[in-house]
């Protein structure tokens, strides 16, 4: 009787007009229950196996059964459903079915039978039965069971593929969106480490970057304790990346390495794998157009894992996307450095590195506005060097440039951090004192500066001495806008210069 025949799934006699009543056999009941079950539910492979098990026990003396799912990419078989106690030779017996023609009969070995599960011309798995009377199974029963198991495996595989595509697409899209805003190579690498942890649902991820000489310059971890993180930084920073067998293998391969058993893999002493006790891991080299620039290692320390073909595909996708965001972040970082350099040059003196007149103007206007609003004071000190022309004329212009650089350093050393020292041009400098200085404090600062500048300078072994003339003006005491403040301080400076140097305060 075929699966399409009319049967009573409860095993009761059926009445057919004009014929004697009959009771369906157990194999017909099995097939009928499978048809009814498969059209009613969306089962798992274990559900189908649980349904068939009591019938097969009665028909064929079944003691154990295993359904193996075949990975079409790797050819590996994975047990996906099971009843009874598995045997040591189960997988070997199941594998024998691949030595026979695709449409051939099941392989029988002692009390075991291996049935190839095919659908649409593709093998999706193997059903392995262990029993004392497997010869009692009819070919129709075997073929129909095989079709139901194959259909279920195919449906589950399609769902897994759908979930994988959705998961990998969301992971790659999220990495792309975040990676396109990463402002540095370090930030991009950290994003990739976090993405790898989320993508493979691992407990840990560690990454490091190398410099142009191949030494580790940056270390970051996800899922590390502070103690482990500090230990890894101490043990890895400055070390040659090539000291790690894992680094060499990943960089040489240029693609992810998936390791199921870390115990059998050579790794760096005190590196990520050994320090965290990772048992299974994926190592992804961080590639750029110039080669490997770092590595991400993600894995688990509480359990080992067999990586699948899908895991490899996702790792390759992450590594490829990682290379893009790394290079993109590198270009953004270089562009930002260039912008910063241009900005610095626009607001700083090229010889001394001090803020220039424009920088002083911007800062001082803000300080004047704040002082007028809050009722506090600021002080502007303008100074001109005495004897600078003689240094240029007698020692040379090179010595004059060096002297200006040394003067700038002494001026910075003579004031507080919040105060601003600027070079206005030639041998003229300015100091903006903030924090509410009164006239006494401003004059004291000016005298301290003059005293420091009277100390000799050593320029290429030659002693050089100069002095300074310094004018002081305060806001709001002398003026309430910066232009007037500059004029008052400048007038006081020239008065000091006519008097031979020292400090003068602007007239009220």
Protein backbone atom coordinates (compact mmCIF):
# COMPACT_ATOMS: atom_id res chain seq x y z
CA UNK A 1 0.00 0.00 0.00
CA UNK A 2 1.37 3.46 -0.87
CA UNK A 3 1.40 6.62 1.19
CA UNK A 4 -1.47 7.97 -0.88
CA UNK A 5 -3.79 5.04 -0.09
CA UNK A 6 -6.74 5.44 2.24
CA UNK A 7 -5.64 4.19 5.66
CA UNK A 8 -6.97 4.48 9.17
CA UNK A 9 -4.15 6.09 11.11
CA UNK A 10 -5.55 4.63 14.35
CA UNK A 11 -5.10 1.10 13.02
CA UNK A 12 -8.84 0.29 12.98
CA UNK A 13 -10.44 -1.91 10.26
CA UNK A 14 -11.58 0.02 7.19
CA UNK A 15 -14.74 -0.72 5.30
CA UNK A 16 -14.59 -0.74 1.52
CA UNK A 17 -17.95 -1.40 -0.24
CA UNK A 18 -18.17 -4.88 -1.76
CA UNK A 19 -14.98 -6.14 -0.05
CA UNK A 20 -14.15 -7.69 3.31
CA UNK A 21 -12.82 -5.35 5.99
CA UNK A 22 -9.00 -5.31 6.50
CA UNK A 23 -6.51 -3.85 8.98
CA UNK A 24 -3.58 -1.80 7.56
CA UNK A 25 -0.07 -3.04 8.40
CA UNK A 26 2.37 -1.10 10.61
CA UNK A 27 4.41 0.25 7.72
CA UNK A 28 1.31 1.68 6.06
CA UNK A 29 0.38 3.30 9.37
CA UNK A 30 3.86 4.85 9.62
CA UNK A 31 3.61 6.36 6.16
CA UNK A 32 0.09 7.64 6.76
CA UNK A 33 1.13 9.32 10.01
CA UNK A 34 4.09 10.93 8.28
CA UNK A 35 1.87 12.35 5.54
CA UNK A 36 -0.65 13.66 8.06
CA UNK A 37 2.06 15.12 10.28
CA UNK A 38 4.01 16.79 7.50
CA UNK A 39 0.91 18.44 6.01
CA UNK A 40 -0.23 19.73 9.38
CA UNK A 41 2.96 21.04 11.01
CA UNK A 42 6.35 22.52 10.26
CA UNK A 43 8.40 19.93 12.11
CA UNK A 44 11.99 19.74 13.18
CA UNK A 45 14.09 16.73 12.19
CA UNK A 46 13.83 15.48 15.77
CA UNK A 47 10.02 15.66 15.57
CA UNK A 48 10.00 13.47 12.47
CA UNK A 49 12.42 11.01 14.05
CA UNK A 50 10.37 10.83 17.26
CA UNK A 51 7.27 10.09 15.15
CA UNK A 52 8.90 7.23 13.25
CA UNK A 53 10.78 5.69 16.18
CA UNK A 54 7.92 3.63 17.80
CA UNK A 55 6.86 2.28 14.41
CA UNK A 56 10.42 1.31 13.46
CA UNK A 57 10.95 -0.28 16.85
CA UNK A 58 7.91 -2.49 16.22
CA UNK A 59 8.67 -3.17 12.55
CA UNK A 60 12.45 -3.54 12.52
CA UNK A 61 13.52 -3.91 16.17
CA UNK A 62 14.98 -0.39 16.12
CA UNK A 63 17.38 0.38 19.01
CA UNK A 64 18.92 3.66 17.78
CA UNK A 65 18.65 6.14 14.93
CA UNK A 66 20.57 9.25 13.91
CA UNK A 67 19.91 11.84 11.23
CA UNK A 68 23.08 13.45 9.88
CA UNK A 69 22.93 16.79 8.08
CA UNK A 70 25.41 17.18 5.23
CA UNK A 71 27.29 20.45 4.82
CA UNK A 72 27.49 20.85 1.06
CA UNK A 73 30.43 23.26 1.35
CA UNK A 74 32.72 21.12 3.52
CA UNK A 75 31.26 17.64 3.06
CA UNK A 76 31.10 17.27 6.84
CA UNK A 77 28.20 15.41 8.49
CA UNK A 78 26.67 16.70 11.71
CA UNK A 79 24.23 14.75 13.86
CA UNK A 80 21.08 16.86 13.96
CA UNK A 81 18.57 14.41 15.53
CA UNK A 82 18.94 11.21 17.51
CA UNK A 83 17.11 8.48 19.44
CA UNK A 84 18.75 5.70 21.40
CA UNK A 85 22.43 5.40 22.26
CA UNK A 86 24.85 6.31 19.44
CA UNK A 87 27.55 3.83 18.48
CA UNK A 88 31.23 4.43 17.94
CA UNK A 89 31.06 3.37 14.29
CA UNK A 90 27.90 5.30 13.43
CA UNK A 91 29.48 8.10 11.40
CA UNK A 92 31.79 5.70 9.57
CA UNK A 93 28.86 3.46 8.56
CA UNK A 94 26.80 6.51 7.55
CA UNK A 95 29.65 7.71 5.36
CA UNK A 96 29.68 4.45 3.38
CA UNK A 97 26.50 5.56 1.62
CA UNK A 98 28.53 8.06 -0.40
CA UNK A 99 30.51 5.23 -2.00
CA UNK A 100 27.38 3.98 -3.73
CA UNK A 101 25.40 5.52 -6.61
CA UNK A 102 23.13 8.40 -5.60
CA UNK A 103 20.01 6.44 -6.50
CA UNK A 104 21.25 3.14 -5.11
CA UNK A 105 19.90 1.02 -2.30
CA UNK A 106 20.66 1.73 1.37
CA UNK A 107 23.98 0.47 2.73
CA UNK A 108 23.59 -2.36 5.25
CA UNK A 109 26.41 -3.18 7.66
CA UNK A 110 25.49 -5.76 10.29
CA UNK A 111 22.55 -4.40 12.25
CA UNK A 112 22.91 -0.92 10.76
CA UNK A 113 21.40 0.65 7.65
CA UNK A 114 22.52 3.95 6.10
CA UNK A 115 19.94 5.68 3.91
CA UNK A 116 20.93 8.59 1.66
CA UNK A 117 18.56 11.57 2.03
CA UNK A 118 18.07 13.28 -1.34
CA UNK A 119 15.71 15.89 -2.70
CA UNK A 120 15.77 17.78 -5.97
CA UNK A 121 18.82 15.83 -7.10
CA UNK A 122 20.84 16.94 -4.07
CA UNK A 123 21.99 14.90 -1.09
CA UNK A 124 21.15 16.74 2.14
CA UNK A 125 21.94 14.08 4.76
CA UNK A 126 21.98 10.47 5.90
CA UNK A 127 19.54 8.49 8.06
CA UNK A 128 21.33 5.78 10.06
CA UNK A 129 19.17 3.04 11.61
CA UNK A 130 20.32 0.41 14.10
CA UNK A 131 18.02 -2.58 14.67
CA UNK A 132 17.71 -6.33 14.75
CA UNK A 133 15.23 -6.73 11.86
CA UNK A 134 15.96 -3.92 9.40
CA UNK A 135 15.32 -6.30 6.51
CA UNK A 136 11.61 -6.12 7.31
CA UNK A 137 11.45 -2.53 6.05
CA UNK A 138 9.83 -2.27 2.64
CA UNK A 139 11.46 -0.17 -0.08
CA UNK A 140 8.39 2.09 -0.27
CA UNK A 141 8.65 2.72 3.45
CA UNK A 142 12.36 3.48 3.22
CA UNK A 143 11.92 5.80 0.22
CA UNK A 144 9.00 7.70 1.74
CA UNK A 145 10.74 8.13 5.09
CA UNK A 146 13.87 9.33 3.29
CA UNK A 147 11.83 11.86 1.33
CA UNK A 148 10.19 13.25 4.49
CA UNK A 149 13.51 13.56 6.30
CA UNK A 150 15.12 15.16 3.22
CA UNK A 151 12.23 17.60 2.86
CA UNK A 152 12.54 18.58 6.52
CA UNK A 153 16.31 19.00 6.27
CA UNK A 154 15.92 21.09 3.12
CA UNK A 155 13.32 23.32 4.77
CA UNK A 156 15.46 23.81 7.85
CA UNK A 157 18.50 24.49 5.68
CA UNK A 158 16.54 27.14 3.79
CA UNK A 159 15.48 28.75 7.06
CA UNK A 160 19.07 28.65 8.34
CA UNK A 161 20.20 30.26 5.10
CA UNK A 162 17.54 32.95 5.42
CA UNK A 163 18.59 33.66 9.01
CA UNK A 164 22.25 33.65 8.03
CA UNK A 165 21.68 36.11 5.18
CA UNK A 166 19.62 38.38 7.44
CA UNK A 167 22.19 38.20 10.26
CA UNK A 168 25.23 38.70 8.04
CA UNK A 169 23.55 41.53 6.11
CA UNK A 170 22.63 43.33 9.33
CA UNK A 171 26.15 42.81 10.70
CA UNK A 172 27.88 44.10 7.56
CA UNK A 173 25.48 47.03 7.20
CA UNK A 174 25.95 48.02 10.85
CA UNK A 175 29.72 47.78 10.50
CA UNK A 176 29.64 49.85 7.31
CA UNK A 177 27.44 52.58 8.79
CA UNK A 178 29.54 52.89 11.94
CA UNK A 179 32.82 52.38 10.11
CA UNK A 180 32.17 55.27 7.74
CA UNK A 181 32.22 57.63 10.73
CA UNK A 182 35.35 56.19 12.38
CA UNK A 183 37.84 59.02 12.69
CA UNK A 184 40.93 56.88 13.18
CA UNK A 185 42.37 53.48 12.31
CA UNK A 186 42.18 52.56 16.00
CA UNK A 187 38.46 53.38 16.17
CA UNK A 188 37.79 51.36 12.99
CA UNK A 189 39.68 48.35 14.36
CA UNK A 190 37.74 48.51 17.64
CA UNK A 191 34.48 48.57 15.67
CA UNK A 192 35.56 45.47 13.77
CA UNK A 193 36.43 43.66 17.01
CA UNK A 194 32.99 44.43 18.47
CA UNK A 195 31.29 43.45 15.21
CA UNK A 196 33.13 40.12 15.17
CA UNK A 197 32.02 39.39 18.75
CA UNK A 198 28.41 40.12 17.86
CA UNK A 199 28.54 38.34 14.50
CA UNK A 200 29.81 35.03 15.88
CA UNK A 201 28.32 35.50 19.37
CA UNK A 202 31.68 34.82 20.98
CA UNK A 203 32.68 35.65 24.54
CA UNK A 204 35.86 37.56 23.65
CA UNK A 205 37.56 39.50 20.89
CA UNK A 206 41.04 40.97 20.92
CA UNK A 207 42.79 43.08 18.31
CA UNK A 208 46.11 44.75 17.79
CA UNK A 209 47.60 47.08 15.19
CA UNK A 210 51.20 47.24 14.00
CA UNK A 211 53.43 50.15 13.03
CA UNK A 212 55.52 50.53 9.91
CA UNK A 213 58.27 48.37 11.41
CA UNK A 214 55.92 45.50 12.19
CA UNK A 215 55.76 46.11 15.94
CA UNK A 216 52.52 46.08 17.90
CA UNK A 217 51.53 49.68 18.64
CA UNK A 218 47.91 49.38 19.82
CA UNK A 219 45.98 46.69 21.75
CA UNK A 220 42.23 46.50 22.43
CA UNK A 221 39.91 43.84 23.80
CA UNK A 222 36.20 43.02 24.12
CA UNK A 223 35.03 40.87 27.03
CA UNK A 224 38.33 41.15 28.93
CA UNK A 225 38.68 41.79 32.65
CA UNK A 226 40.74 44.93 33.46
CA UNK A 227 43.55 42.70 34.76
CA UNK A 228 43.72 40.66 31.55
CA UNK A 229 43.55 43.81 29.42
CA UNK A 230 46.44 45.42 31.30
CA UNK A 231 48.43 42.20 31.12
CA UNK A 232 47.92 41.93 27.37
CA UNK A 233 48.94 45.55 26.82
CA UNK A 234 52.10 45.02 28.89
CA UNK A 235 53.01 41.77 27.13
CA UNK A 236 52.23 42.82 23.54
CA UNK A 237 53.02 46.52 23.07
CA UNK A 238 56.29 47.04 21.27
CA UNK A 239 56.69 43.35 20.42
CA UNK A 240 57.22 42.15 16.86
CA UNK A 241 53.98 40.87 15.36
CA UNK A 242 55.91 38.13 13.54
CA UNK A 243 56.81 36.55 16.90
CA UNK A 244 53.26 35.14 16.85
CA UNK A 245 52.74 31.96 14.76
CA UNK A 246 49.07 32.91 14.49
CA UNK A 247 49.92 36.35 13.08
CA UNK A 248 52.31 34.83 10.55
CA UNK A 249 49.73 32.27 9.40
CA UNK A 250 46.89 34.82 9.11
CA UNK A 251 49.03 37.47 7.39
CA UNK A 252 50.42 34.90 4.94
CA UNK A 253 46.96 33.52 4.15
CA UNK A 254 45.47 36.99 3.85
CA UNK A 255 42.10 35.63 4.94
CA UNK A 256 40.43 34.43 8.18
CA UNK A 257 41.61 31.31 9.98
CA UNK A 258 38.90 29.26 11.75
CA UNK A 259 40.31 27.06 14.51
CA UNK A 260 38.04 24.59 16.31
CA UNK A 261 40.69 23.35 18.76
CA UNK A 262 43.10 26.01 20.00
CA UNK A 263 45.13 23.35 21.83
CA UNK A 264 46.34 22.06 18.49
CA UNK A 265 47.26 25.50 17.14
CA UNK A 266 50.55 27.32 17.65
CA UNK A 267 49.98 30.70 19.32
CA UNK A 268 52.06 33.42 20.98
CA UNK A 269 52.98 32.94 24.63
CA UNK A 270 50.98 35.52 26.68
CA UNK A 271 48.99 36.47 23.57
CA UNK A 272 45.21 36.66 23.20
CA UNK A 273 44.56 32.92 22.94
CA UNK A 274 46.76 31.81 25.84
CA UNK A 275 46.03 34.74 28.17
CA UNK A 276 42.25 34.28 27.97
CA UNK A 277 42.26 30.51 27.60
CA UNK A 278 40.36 30.58 24.31
CA UNK A 279 39.40 27.09 23.14
CA UNK A 280 38.03 27.89 19.67
CA UNK A 281 38.65 31.06 17.69
CA UNK A 282 38.53 32.93 14.41
CA UNK A 283 41.56 35.04 13.47
CA UNK A 284 40.94 37.77 10.89
CA UNK A 285 43.89 39.73 9.49
CA UNK A 286 43.20 43.44 9.11
CA UNK A 287 44.30 44.19 5.57
CA UNK A 288 45.00 47.43 3.78
CA UNK A 289 46.28 48.17 0.32
CA UNK A 290 49.82 47.88 1.69
CA UNK A 291 49.28 44.54 3.44
CA UNK A 292 48.36 43.34 6.93
CA UNK A 293 48.14 46.14 9.51
CA UNK A 294 46.65 44.20 12.43
CA UNK A 295 44.58 41.22 13.50
CA UNK A 296 41.27 40.48 15.23
CA UNK A 297 40.87 37.26 17.22
CA UNK A 298 37.41 36.30 18.53
CA UNK A 299 36.47 33.12 20.35
CA UNK A 300 35.16 31.35 23.42
CA UNK A 301 36.95 30.20 26.56
CA UNK A 302 34.06 28.31 28.17
CA UNK A 303 33.46 25.87 25.30
CA UNK A 304 34.87 24.69 21.98
CA UNK A 305 33.04 25.17 18.71
CA UNK A 306 32.98 23.58 15.28
CA UNK A 307 32.98 26.44 12.79
CA UNK A 308 30.69 26.06 9.78
CA UNK A 309 31.02 27.04 6.13
CA UNK A 310 28.64 29.91 6.89
CA UNK A 311 30.98 31.09 9.66
CA UNK A 312 33.82 31.13 7.14
CA UNK A 313 31.75 33.11 4.63
CA UNK A 314 30.77 35.65 7.30
CA UNK A 315 34.38 35.93 8.49
CA UNK A 316 35.50 36.61 4.91
CA UNK A 317 32.78 39.24 4.53
CA UNK A 318 33.79 40.91 7.81
CA UNK A 319 37.46 40.87 6.84
CA UNK A 320 36.69 42.41 3.43
CA UNK A 321 34.45 45.10 4.96
CA UNK A 322 37.06 45.64 7.67
CA UNK A 323 39.71 46.36 5.03
CA UNK A 324 37.43 48.98 3.47
CA UNK A 325 36.64 50.79 6.72
CA UNK A 326 40.29 50.61 7.81
CA UNK A 327 41.46 52.29 4.61
CA UNK A 328 38.58 54.77 4.77
CA UNK A 329 39.41 55.61 8.39
CA UNK A 330 43.08 55.99 7.46
CA UNK A 331 42.18 58.50 4.72
CA UNK A 332 39.89 60.45 7.07
CA UNK A 333 42.57 60.45 9.73
CA UNK A 334 45.17 61.72 7.26
CA UNK A 335 42.75 64.37 6.01
CA UNK A 336 42.04 65.50 9.57
CA UNK A 337 45.76 65.67 10.33
CA UNK A 338 46.20 67.83 7.21
CA UNK A 339 43.33 70.11 8.26
CA UNK A 340 44.80 70.35 11.77
CA UNK A 341 48.18 71.24 10.31
CA UNK A 342 46.67 73.92 8.11
CA UNK A 343 44.71 75.30 11.05
CA UNK A 344 47.82 75.26 13.22
CA UNK A 345 49.82 77.09 10.56
CA UNK A 346 47.05 79.66 10.18
CA UNK A 347 47.08 80.48 13.91
CA UNK A 348 50.71 79.87 14.87
CA UNK A 349 54.09 81.40 14.09
CA UNK A 350 56.14 79.10 11.85
CA UNK A 351 59.49 79.93 13.53
CA UNK A 352 58.67 79.70 17.24
CA UNK A 353 55.49 77.62 17.14
CA UNK A 354 53.79 80.25 19.33
CA UNK A 355 50.29 81.56 18.60
CA UNK A 356 50.41 84.39 16.07
CA UNK A 357 48.72 87.80 15.93
CA UNK A 358 45.44 86.35 14.55
CA UNK A 359 45.30 83.76 17.32
CA UNK A 360 45.95 86.45 19.93
CA UNK A 361 43.23 88.66 18.45
CA UNK A 362 40.61 85.87 18.52
CA UNK A 363 41.49 84.81 22.05
CA UNK A 364 41.80 88.35 23.41
CA UNK A 365 38.44 89.51 22.02
CA UNK A 366 36.74 86.60 23.80
CA UNK A 367 38.64 87.36 27.01
CA UNK A 368 37.70 91.07 26.87
CA UNK A 369 34.03 90.21 26.36
CA UNK A 370 34.12 87.76 29.28
CA UNK A 371 35.87 90.28 31.56
CA UNK A 372 33.32 93.00 30.78
CA UNK A 373 30.44 90.58 31.35
CA UNK A 374 31.71 89.13 34.64
CA UNK A 375 33.37 92.26 36.06
CA UNK A 376 36.83 90.65 36.13
CA UNK A 377 40.15 91.79 34.62
CA UNK A 378 42.61 90.72 31.96
CA UNK A 379 46.05 92.16 31.28
CA UNK A 380 47.91 92.55 28.00
CA UNK A 381 51.71 92.68 28.07
CA UNK A 382 53.54 93.77 24.90
CA UNK A 383 57.32 93.37 24.81
CA UNK A 384 60.12 94.21 22.40
CA UNK A 385 63.61 92.74 22.68
CA UNK A 386 66.53 95.08 23.40
CA UNK A 387 69.75 94.21 21.57
CA UNK A 388 68.20 91.82 19.08
CA UNK A 389 69.47 93.76 16.03
CA UNK A 390 73.03 93.54 17.32
CA UNK A 391 72.73 89.74 17.60
CA UNK A 392 71.60 89.55 13.98
CA UNK A 393 74.37 91.89 12.83
CA UNK A 394 77.22 90.31 14.82
CA UNK A 395 76.36 86.63 15.19
CA UNK A 396 74.13 86.19 12.14
CA UNK A 397 70.48 85.78 11.19
CA UNK A 398 70.55 82.08 12.00
CA UNK A 399 71.52 82.95 15.56
CA UNK A 400 68.72 85.51 15.60
CA UNK A 401 66.18 82.84 14.66
CA UNK A 402 67.48 80.51 17.35
CA UNK A 403 67.33 83.37 19.87
CA UNK A 404 63.66 84.05 19.03
CA UNK A 405 62.85 80.39 19.57
CA UNK A 406 64.61 80.39 22.96
CA UNK A 407 62.85 83.63 23.96
CA UNK A 408 59.48 82.06 23.11
CA UNK A 409 60.26 79.08 25.34
CA UNK A 410 61.30 81.29 28.26
CA UNK A 411 58.15 83.36 27.92
CA UNK A 412 55.99 80.21 28.04
CA UNK A 413 57.88 78.99 31.09
CA UNK A 414 57.26 82.34 32.83
CA UNK A 415 53.44 82.30 32.72
CA UNK A 416 50.62 80.02 33.89
CA UNK A 417 49.00 77.42 31.66
CA UNK A 418 45.80 79.40 30.90
CA UNK A 419 47.76 82.50 29.86
CA UNK A 420 48.68 83.04 26.21
CA UNK A 421 52.10 83.89 24.76
CA UNK A 422 52.13 85.06 21.12
CA UNK A 423 54.71 86.30 18.62
CA UNK A 424 53.43 89.35 16.78
CA UNK A 425 56.32 89.55 14.31
CA UNK A 426 60.00 90.43 14.27
CA UNK A 427 61.22 90.59 17.87
CA UNK A 428 57.85 91.67 19.29
CA UNK A 429 55.84 89.37 21.56
CA UNK A 430 52.60 89.57 23.56
CA UNK A 431 51.38 87.91 26.75
CA UNK A 432 47.69 87.76 27.63
CA UNK A 433 47.10 87.27 31.37
CA UNK A 434 43.68 85.91 32.37
CA UNK A 435 42.21 84.97 35.73
CA UNK A 436 41.55 88.50 37.00
CA UNK A 437 45.06 89.99 37.51
CA UNK A 438 45.25 93.46 39.06
CA UNK A 439 47.93 96.01 38.17
CA UNK A 440 50.33 94.72 40.82
CA UNK A 441 50.10 91.14 39.55
CA UNK A 442 50.48 92.23 35.91
CA UNK A 443 53.58 94.33 36.69
CA UNK A 444 55.07 91.48 38.74
CA UNK A 445 54.57 89.12 35.79
CA UNK A 446 56.23 91.64 33.46
CA UNK A 447 59.22 92.08 35.79
CA UNK A 448 59.59 88.29 36.09
CA UNK A 449 59.66 88.05 32.29
CA UNK A 450 62.26 90.83 31.96
CA UNK A 451 64.45 89.17 34.60
CA UNK A 452 64.31 85.82 32.76
CA UNK A 453 65.19 87.44 29.45
CA UNK A 454 68.22 89.19 30.96
CA UNK A 455 69.76 85.82 31.70
CA UNK A 456 72.33 84.80 29.05
CA UNK A 457 71.39 82.55 26.13
CA UNK A 458 73.70 79.84 24.81
CA UNK A 459 73.58 79.78 21.02
CA UNK A 460 75.90 77.17 19.51
CA UNK A 461 78.38 77.62 22.34
CA UNK A 462 78.31 81.41 22.22
CA UNK A 463 76.85 83.44 25.07
CA UNK A 464 74.27 86.04 24.00
CA UNK A 465 72.68 88.66 26.26
CA UNK A 466 69.62 90.80 25.56
CA UNK A 467 66.97 92.70 27.46
CA UNK A 468 63.31 93.62 27.01
CA UNK A 469 61.00 96.62 27.07
CA UNK A 470 57.50 95.73 28.27
CA UNK A 471 54.23 97.70 28.32
CA UNK A 472 51.19 96.73 30.44
CA UNK A 473 47.52 97.61 29.89
CA UNK A 474 44.49 96.20 31.75
CA UNK A 475 40.86 95.76 30.85
CA UNK A 476 38.65 97.44 31.95
CA UNK A 477 41.08 99.75 33.80
CA UNK A 478 42.63 101.21 30.61
CA UNK A 479 40.26 100.11 27.85
CA UNK A 480 37.17 97.99 27.27
CA UNK A 481 37.93 96.85 23.73
CA UNK A 482 40.97 94.98 22.52
CA UNK A 483 42.04 97.49 19.88
CA UNK A 484 42.34 100.27 22.46
CA UNK A 485 44.01 97.85 24.88
CA UNK A 486 46.68 97.07 22.26
CA UNK A 487 47.32 100.77 21.61
CA UNK A 488 47.70 101.50 25.34
CA UNK A 489 50.07 98.57 25.89
CA UNK A 490 52.08 99.54 22.79
CA UNK A 491 52.45 103.14 23.98
CA UNK A 492 53.63 101.92 27.40
CA UNK A 493 56.14 99.57 25.72
CA UNK A 494 57.71 102.38 23.71
CA UNK A 495 57.91 104.49 26.83
CA UNK A 496 59.80 101.65 28.51
CA UNK A 497 62.10 101.36 25.48
CA UNK A 498 62.89 105.09 25.58
CA UNK A 499 63.74 104.65 29.25
CA UNK A 500 66.23 101.86 28.53
CA UNK A 501 63.97 98.86 29.12
CA UNK A 502 61.95 97.38 31.95
CA UNK A 503 58.20 97.55 32.64
CA UNK A 504 55.83 100.47 32.15
CA UNK A 505 52.09 100.63 32.82
CA UNK A 506 49.81 102.47 30.40
CA UNK A 507 48.59 105.89 31.46
CA UNK A 508 44.97 106.07 32.62
